[in-house]
Each structure stands twice: as structure tokens, then as C-alpha cells.
Amino acid sequence: MSPAVRALLASLALSSAVAVLPSGGCLEPSAATEAEGGPDPSVAVAPFVPPSAPPARTPPIATPGDARANNTPHDAPTGSADPLLRRLAQKPLRYTRHGRCRMTCRHISEAEVRALLDEGHVVPERTRSDGQCTSYAVEGQTADAQDVRIVYADCARETRVVTTIDLGRDWPCHCD
């Protein structure tokens, strides 16, 4: 091993590595012989200077499916003041076949169905407890100014979207 390599390892507090490295290390025998002759005078070698401060951290980049990367107070949903609607919004949404069909023919998106849980109001006289889960009619206006009623079923592990209704227009629908 060349004296320059020994000096470098010693300056980096790797003197124990100096003792265990075989002569020539991982170099071919011919290259090891050249290296033993000392550093090439035509190559300038700068001394190693450790960084004075840790590298700066960059903020995470938001990806389409990553809600955590850009979850600032400005982006966080405010949630409904109604505790019932907050509870419905906290559970996973499942769309019934009938609910999905009505959404399609009445031009109501999944985003609008979710938004109504934050911005709508429950119509108590339309609440029903005659099925598997209690259902609540929620009315409000979508971002594109549709007055809608959406019926959500409050089930144990999920909130089901039973049907969607456009209160301002009678759309032709052929759902089973």
C-alpha cells in the first residue's frame, strides 16, 4: 500500500483498516505496483474537507395518491359541523349499484358525493331505519350549482351511497 493511501486512511481515523488491507488491496498486481510508486504527479488531489453543516432537507414532493405530502392547514378539509355527517364522512364510502347508476345519469361525481358530507345538511323527515342500515337524506349544492339530495346509509364499517337525486332537473335514468 502506498504511503499516500496509508496517510489518507490514518487521517480519516481508519488506521485499523491500514493493518488489515493486503498489499495491493483490490488492484490488479500491475496496477498495485504502479500505485506503490506514489501518486501520479500530473493529477492534482484536493484534501478531504468534511462538510461543516448537514445537507439541507428538501420538502417531500406530493404525488397524486399521497395525501400526506401536502397536507397543510390550508388544504385540510374543514369537515361538517354536524356530528352525524362527520361520522359518515370518516367511514369508507361504498357505492351501491343503484347509487352508482343514478350518479352516472344525473352527472354527479364521487367528489361531489364526498363534498356533500362536508357542506350539506341532513333532512330529518327523510331519515329511514327500515333497512339493514339507517339511511339519511343529505341536501346541498354541488360545485357546478346542482341542487342535490344524496341518500347515505350509516352501516357499521362503511357509509353506503344508496341513491343520488338532482332536485332541479329530472334526468332520464334506467337503473334497476
Protein backbone atom coordinates (compact mmCIF):
# COMPACT_ATOMS: atom_id res chain seq x y z
CA MET A 1 0.00 0.00 0.00
CA SER A 2 1.35 3.42 -0.90
CA PRO A 3 2.35 5.86 1.81
CA ALA A 4 -0.23 8.32 0.44
CA VAL A 5 -3.06 5.79 0.95
CA ARG A 6 -1.76 4.99 4.45
CA ALA A 7 -1.65 8.69 5.31
CA LEU A 8 -5.17 9.23 3.96
CA LEU A 9 -6.58 6.29 5.92
CA ALA A 10 -4.77 7.43 9.05
CA SER A 11 -6.12 10.99 8.69
CA LEU A 12 -9.62 9.57 8.42
CA ALA A 13 -9.11 7.58 11.62
CA LEU A 14 -9.10 4.35 9.68
CA SER A 15 -5.71 3.23 10.85
CA SER A 16 -7.15 -0.17 11.78
CA ALA A 17 -8.09 -0.63 8.13
CA VAL A 18 -4.47 0.02 7.18
CA ALA A 19 -3.33 -3.03 9.09
CA VAL A 20 -5.86 -5.41 7.53
CA LEU A 21 -5.60 -4.32 3.91
CA PRO A 22 -3.44 -6.69 1.91
CA SER A 23 -0.67 -5.27 -0.14
CA GLY A 24 -2.18 -4.05 -3.40
CA GLY A 25 -5.74 -4.23 -2.00
CA CYS A 26 -8.24 -4.77 -4.78
CA LEU A 27 -5.93 -3.65 -7.57
CA GLU A 28 -4.50 -5.92 -10.24
CA PRO A 29 -0.86 -6.76 -9.45
CA SER A 30 0.41 -4.48 -12.24
CA ALA A 31 -1.77 -1.59 -11.06
CA ALA A 32 -0.72 -2.21 -7.46
CA THR A 33 2.92 -1.88 -8.49
CA GLU A 34 2.16 1.43 -10.20
CA ALA A 35 0.25 2.63 -7.15
CA GLU A 36 3.14 1.71 -4.84
CA GLY A 37 5.31 4.16 -6.79
CA GLY A 38 3.33 7.04 -5.31
CA PRO A 39 0.78 9.46 -6.64
CA ASP A 40 0.84 10.49 -10.27
CA PRO A 41 2.34 14.00 -10.29
CA SER A 42 0.11 15.04 -13.23
CA VAL A 43 -3.07 14.51 -11.15
CA ALA A 44 -3.93 17.16 -8.58
CA VAL A 45 -5.53 15.73 -5.46
CA ALA A 46 -7.53 18.02 -3.19
CA PRO A 47 -7.50 17.22 0.51
CA PHE A 48 -10.72 15.84 2.01
CA VAL A 49 -12.67 18.51 3.86
CA PRO A 50 -15.65 17.26 5.90
CA PRO A 51 -18.87 19.25 5.46
CA SER A 52 -19.39 21.96 8.06
CA ALA A 53 -23.17 21.51 8.22
CA PRO A 54 -25.58 18.68 7.42
CA PRO A 55 -27.17 18.86 3.97
CA ALA A 56 -30.40 20.86 3.78
CA ARG A 57 -33.60 18.80 3.77
CA THR A 58 -35.97 19.32 0.93
CA PRO A 59 -39.73 19.04 1.50
CA PRO A 60 -41.43 15.90 0.15
CA ILE A 61 -42.89 16.09 -3.32
CA ALA A 62 -46.61 15.49 -3.46
CA THR A 63 -47.77 12.65 -5.66
CA PRO A 64 -51.35 12.19 -6.89
CA GLY A 65 -52.13 9.44 -4.40
CA ASP A 66 -50.18 10.84 -1.47
CA ALA A 67 -52.37 12.92 0.80
CA ARG A 68 -49.68 13.25 3.48
CA ALA A 69 -47.06 15.05 1.40
CA ASN A 70 -49.02 18.28 1.03
CA ASN A 71 -51.39 18.19 3.98
CA THR A 72 -51.20 21.76 5.24
CA PRO A 73 -53.88 23.51 7.28
CA HIS A 74 -54.95 25.33 4.11
CA ASP A 75 -55.50 22.05 2.26
CA ALA A 76 -57.13 20.13 5.11
CA PRO A 77 -60.89 19.68 4.81
CA THR A 78 -62.80 21.60 7.43
CA GLY A 79 -65.42 18.89 7.98
CA SER A 80 -69.07 19.34 8.74
CA ALA A 81 -70.35 20.96 11.91
CA ASP A 82 -72.96 18.17 12.06
CA PRO A 83 -71.55 15.22 14.08
CA LEU A 84 -73.67 12.76 12.08
CA LEU A 85 -72.20 13.95 8.77
CA ARG A 86 -68.68 13.90 10.26
CA ARG A 87 -69.20 10.26 11.32
CA LEU A 88 -70.48 9.32 7.84
CA ALA A 89 -67.50 11.08 6.22
CA GLN A 90 -64.96 9.24 8.41
CA LYS A 91 -66.01 5.80 7.19
CA PRO A 92 -65.07 4.39 3.78
CA LEU A 93 -67.67 5.15 1.09
CA ARG A 94 -69.17 2.23 -0.83
CA TYR A 95 -71.43 2.87 -3.79
CA THR A 96 -74.41 0.60 -4.35
CA ARG A 97 -75.13 -0.44 -7.92
CA HIS A 98 -78.28 1.71 -7.90
CA GLY A 99 -76.41 4.67 -6.39
CA ARG A 100 -73.65 4.42 -9.00
CA CYS A 101 -76.20 4.23 -11.84
CA ARG A 102 -78.07 7.30 -10.55
CA MET A 103 -74.79 9.22 -10.21
CA THR A 104 -73.95 8.47 -13.83
CA CYS A 105 -77.25 9.51 -15.38
CA ARG A 106 -77.58 12.59 -13.15
CA HIS A 107 -73.99 13.76 -13.69
CA ILE A 108 -72.96 13.65 -10.02
CA SER A 109 -69.31 12.77 -9.36
CA GLU A 110 -67.68 10.89 -6.48
CA ALA A 111 -66.01 14.15 -5.42
CA GLU A 112 -69.43 15.82 -5.20
CA VAL A 113 -70.79 12.89 -3.16
CA ARG A 114 -67.88 13.27 -0.70
CA ALA A 115 -68.14 17.09 -0.63
CA LEU A 116 -71.82 16.97 0.32
CA LEU A 117 -70.85 15.24 3.58
CA ASP A 118 -68.89 18.40 4.46
CA GLU A 119 -71.22 21.03 3.01
CA GLY A 120 -74.71 19.54 3.05
CA HIS A 121 -77.44 19.28 5.67
CA VAL A 122 -79.50 16.30 6.84
CA VAL A 123 -83.22 16.33 6.05
CA PRO A 124 -84.61 14.65 9.22
CA GLU A 125 -88.07 13.85 7.79
CA ARG A 126 -86.41 11.68 5.12
CA THR A 127 -84.41 9.56 7.60
CA ARG A 128 -85.33 5.87 7.41
CA SER A 129 -84.50 2.97 9.70
CA ASP A 130 -86.37 0.24 7.83
CA GLY A 131 -83.38 -1.34 6.09
CA GLN A 132 -80.15 -3.03 7.08
CA CYS A 133 -78.61 0.37 7.99
CA THR A 134 -80.22 3.70 8.90
CA SER A 135 -80.31 5.99 5.86
CA TYR A 136 -80.04 9.77 5.85
CA ALA A 137 -81.01 12.15 3.05
CA VAL A 138 -78.47 14.95 2.75
CA GLU A 139 -79.20 18.00 0.61
CA GLY A 140 -76.94 20.71 -0.71
CA GLN A 141 -75.42 22.27 -3.78
CA THR A 142 -72.54 20.86 -5.82
CA ALA A 143 -69.63 22.91 -7.15
CA ASP A 144 -71.40 23.15 -10.53
CA ALA A 145 -74.57 24.52 -8.86
CA GLN A 146 -76.71 21.36 -8.95
CA ASP A 147 -79.19 21.18 -6.07
CA VAL A 148 -78.92 17.55 -5.00
CA ARG A 149 -80.16 15.07 -2.43
CA ILE A 150 -77.93 12.11 -1.72
CA VAL A 151 -79.05 9.22 0.46
CA TYR A 152 -76.28 7.71 2.60
CA ALA A 153 -76.72 4.52 4.65
CA ASP A 154 -74.90 4.55 8.00
CA CYS A 155 -73.58 0.98 8.27
CA ALA A 156 -71.22 -0.37 10.93
CA ARG A 157 -68.00 -0.32 8.89
CA GLU A 158 -68.88 1.82 5.88
CA THR A 159 -71.09 4.57 4.54
CA ARG A 160 -73.11 3.40 1.54
CA VAL A 161 -74.28 5.73 -1.20
CA VAL A 162 -77.82 4.48 -1.83
CA THR A 163 -79.01 6.99 -4.43
CA THR A 164 -78.39 10.48 -5.79
CA ILE A 165 -81.10 12.90 -6.91
CA ASP A 166 -80.84 16.16 -8.86
CA LEU A 167 -83.59 18.30 -7.31
CA GLY A 168 -83.57 20.82 -10.16
CA ARG A 169 -83.84 18.53 -13.16
CA ASP A 170 -85.49 15.22 -13.99
CA TRP A 171 -82.83 13.18 -15.79
CA PRO A 172 -83.81 10.10 -17.81
CA CYS A 173 -82.45 7.11 -15.89
CA HIS A 174 -82.89 3.39 -16.46
CA CYS A 175 -81.50 1.84 -13.28
CA ASP A 176 -82.67 -1.46 -11.77
